[in-house]
Each structure stands twice: as C-alpha cells, then as structure tokens.
C-alpha cells in the first residue's frame, strides 16, 4: 500500500508552484488569500493546488474563526521517503 500511496503523491510534488506552496505552509499555517498574495496567483488557483495536496493527505486544515488555515503535514511528507524506499524493494 505504501508504494501505491507514494506513487500517487509524488506527481503532486513535481509542480513547481505546489513545491513553493508546500514550502510556505511547512513554516506556518496560511489562508488561501495569504498564499495567493505570496505566490502571485489567484485564490482559485491556490485553492485547486491545496485541494490536490489535501486529497493526497499532505495538507491539514484548521479553522480559525471564519478563516481556514492550511499547513503541510510534515509527518506525511517524511513518510513519502519511507514509502518510496519500501516500494522500490518490492
């Protein structure tokens, strides 16, 4: 199972915009609008990237009042390396 999950997650991290987005939310939780401003993207563009990352279990959300904050799930990213290694052994 780990290898399959890793294979589905890896393409999500090949997009340079998603990598920049992940770097930002690895450091601190941010809203879609914060990310859009920092990345010079529209909120809908950021939202699509966040949804893809969230669907793969790489991003966590937290509600703060009326805002949704996004944060990279560092444990899930660390497991990617382990999953890739396991997948290569089988």
C-alpha atoms as a PDB file:
ATOM      1  CA  UNK A   1       0.000   0.000   0.000  1.00  0.00           C
ATOM      2  CA  UNK A   2       2.805   2.450   0.865  1.00  0.00           C
ATOM      3  CA  UNK A   3       4.262   2.241  -2.630  1.00  0.00           C
ATOM      4  CA  UNK A   4       0.904   2.971  -4.225  1.00  0.00           C
ATOM      5  CA  UNK A   5       0.349   5.964  -1.956  1.00  0.00           C
ATOM      6  CA  UNK A   6       3.840   7.257  -2.683  1.00  0.00           C
ATOM      7  CA  UNK A   7       3.261   6.881  -6.443  1.00  0.00           C
ATOM      8  CA  UNK A   8       0.069   8.932  -6.187  1.00  0.00           C
ATOM      9  CA  UNK A   9       1.715  11.624  -4.057  1.00  0.00           C
ATOM     10  CA  UNK A  10       4.946  12.102  -5.973  1.00  0.00           C
ATOM     11  CA  UNK A  11       3.427  13.700  -9.120  1.00  0.00           C
ATOM     12  CA  UNK A  12       1.659  16.232  -6.897  1.00  0.00           C
ATOM     13  CA  UNK A  13       5.065  17.416  -5.732  1.00  0.00           C
ATOM     14  CA  UNK A  14       6.601  17.798  -9.189  1.00  0.00           C
ATOM     15  CA  UNK A  15       4.704  21.002  -9.946  1.00  0.00           C
ATOM     16  CA  UNK A  16       6.973  23.960  -9.016  1.00  0.00           C
ATOM     17  CA  UNK A  17       4.002  26.001  -7.808  1.00  0.00           C
ATOM     18  CA  UNK A  18       2.969  23.234  -5.418  1.00  0.00           C
ATOM     19  CA  UNK A  19       6.524  22.916  -4.161  1.00  0.00           C
ATOM     20  CA  UNK A  20       6.641  26.671  -3.394  1.00  0.00           C
ATOM     21  CA  UNK A  21       3.228  26.428  -1.755  1.00  0.00           C
ATOM     22  CA  UNK A  22       4.407  23.477   0.374  1.00  0.00           C
ATOM     23  CA  UNK A  23       7.493  25.394   1.460  1.00  0.00           C
ATOM     24  CA  UNK A  24       5.362  28.267   2.686  1.00  0.00           C
ATOM     25  CA  UNK A  25       2.886  26.151   4.623  1.00  0.00           C
ATOM     26  CA  UNK A  26       5.658  23.975   6.078  1.00  0.00           C
ATOM     27  CA  UNK A  27       6.814  27.042   8.011  1.00  0.00           C
ATOM     28  CA  UNK A  28       3.453  28.413   9.112  1.00  0.00           C
ATOM     29  CA  UNK A  29      -0.279  27.963   8.642  1.00  0.00           C
ATOM     30  CA  UNK A  30      -1.691  30.279   5.994  1.00  0.00           C
ATOM     31  CA  UNK A  31      -5.007  31.100   4.326  1.00  0.00           C
ATOM     32  CA  UNK A  32      -5.697  30.762   0.620  1.00  0.00           C
ATOM     33  CA  UNK A  33      -5.607  34.544   0.245  1.00  0.00           C
ATOM     34  CA  UNK A  34      -2.252  34.800   2.066  1.00  0.00           C
ATOM     35  CA  UNK A  35      -0.805  32.136  -0.212  1.00  0.00           C
ATOM     36  CA  UNK A  36      -2.224  33.749  -3.349  1.00  0.00           C
ATOM     37  CA  UNK A  37      -0.593  37.063  -2.458  1.00  0.00           C
ATOM     38  CA  UNK A  38       2.768  35.440  -1.640  1.00  0.00           C
ATOM     39  CA  UNK A  39       2.786  33.297  -4.787  1.00  0.00           C
ATOM     40  CA  UNK A  40       1.351  35.884  -7.220  1.00  0.00           C
ATOM     41  CA  UNK A  41      -1.505  33.533  -8.047  1.00  0.00           C
ATOM     42  CA  UNK A  42      -5.272  33.855  -7.847  1.00  0.00           C
ATOM     43  CA  UNK A  43      -7.135  32.401  -4.874  1.00  0.00           C
ATOM     44  CA  UNK A  44      -8.900  29.820  -7.110  1.00  0.00           C
ATOM     45  CA  UNK A  45      -5.529  28.644  -8.481  1.00  0.00           C
ATOM     46  CA  UNK A  46      -4.147  28.226  -4.961  1.00  0.00           C
ATOM     47  CA  UNK A  47      -7.332  26.511  -3.865  1.00  0.00           C
ATOM     48  CA  UNK A  48      -7.026  23.908  -6.655  1.00  0.00           C
ATOM     49  CA  UNK A  49      -3.441  23.128  -5.670  1.00  0.00           C
ATOM     50  CA  UNK A  50      -4.363  22.906  -1.986  1.00  0.00           C
ATOM     51  CA  UNK A  51      -7.259  20.585  -2.761  1.00  0.00           C
ATOM     52  CA  UNK A  52      -4.969  18.226  -4.683  1.00  0.00           C
ATOM     53  CA  UNK A  53      -2.453  18.195  -1.828  1.00  0.00           C
ATOM     54  CA  UNK A  54      -5.188  17.778   0.786  1.00  0.00           C
ATOM     55  CA  UNK A  55      -6.798  14.913  -1.147  1.00  0.00           C
ATOM     56  CA  UNK A  56      -3.435  13.128  -1.046  1.00  0.00           C
ATOM     57  CA  UNK A  57      -3.150  13.655   2.707  1.00  0.00           C
ATOM     58  CA  UNK A  58      -0.220  16.067   2.503  1.00  0.00           C
ATOM     59  CA  UNK A  59      -2.016  19.157   3.833  1.00  0.00           C
ATOM     60  CA  UNK A  60      -4.033  19.674   7.000  1.00  0.00           C
ATOM     61  CA  UNK A  61      -6.659  22.323   7.582  1.00  0.00           C
ATOM     62  CA  UNK A  62      -7.590  24.197  10.720  1.00  0.00           C
ATOM     63  CA  UNK A  63     -10.431  26.636  11.179  1.00  0.00           C
ATOM     64  CA  UNK A  64      -9.685  29.942  12.892  1.00  0.00           C
ATOM     65  CA  UNK A  65     -12.909  31.911  13.110  1.00  0.00           C
ATOM     66  CA  UNK A  66     -14.128  32.377   9.575  1.00  0.00           C
ATOM     67  CA  UNK A  67     -10.750  31.526   8.046  1.00  0.00           C
ATOM     68  CA  UNK A  68      -9.360  28.153   7.028  1.00  0.00           C
ATOM     69  CA  UNK A  69      -5.636  27.778   7.627  1.00  0.00           C
ATOM     70  CA  UNK A  70      -3.550  25.305   5.648  1.00  0.00           C
ATOM     71  CA  UNK A  71      -0.433  23.581   6.943  1.00  0.00           C
ATOM     72  CA  UNK A  72       1.820  20.956   5.416  1.00  0.00           C
ATOM     73  CA  UNK A  73       1.590  17.601   7.190  1.00  0.00           C
ATOM     74  CA  UNK A  74       5.310  17.099   7.732  1.00  0.00           C
ATOM     75  CA  UNK A  75       4.834  13.551   9.030  1.00  0.00           C
ATOM     76  CA  UNK A  76       3.070  12.586   5.784  1.00  0.00           C
ATOM     77  CA  UNK A  77       5.880  14.135   3.743  1.00  0.00           C
ATOM     78  CA  UNK A  78       8.508  12.273   5.803  1.00  0.00           C
ATOM     79  CA  UNK A  79       6.639   9.002   5.232  1.00  0.00           C
ATOM     80  CA  UNK A  80       6.884   9.624   1.478  1.00  0.00           C
ATOM     81  CA  UNK A  81      10.582   8.854   1.591  1.00  0.00           C
ATOM     82  CA  UNK A  82       9.959   5.666   3.535  1.00  0.00           C
ATOM     83  CA  UNK A  83       7.127   4.650   1.198  1.00  0.00           C
ATOM     84  CA  UNK A  84       9.300   5.178  -1.876  1.00  0.00           C
ATOM     85  CA  UNK A  85      12.062   3.066  -0.338  1.00  0.00           C
ATOM     86  CA  UNK A  86       9.615   0.287   0.527  1.00  0.00           C
ATOM     87  CA  UNK A  87       8.055   0.417  -2.937  1.00  0.00           C
ATOM     88  CA  UNK A  88      11.452   0.049  -4.595  1.00  0.00           C
ATOM     89  CA  UNK A  89      12.202  -3.056  -2.546  1.00  0.00           C
ATOM     90  CA  UNK A  90       9.057  -4.904  -3.663  1.00  0.00           C
END
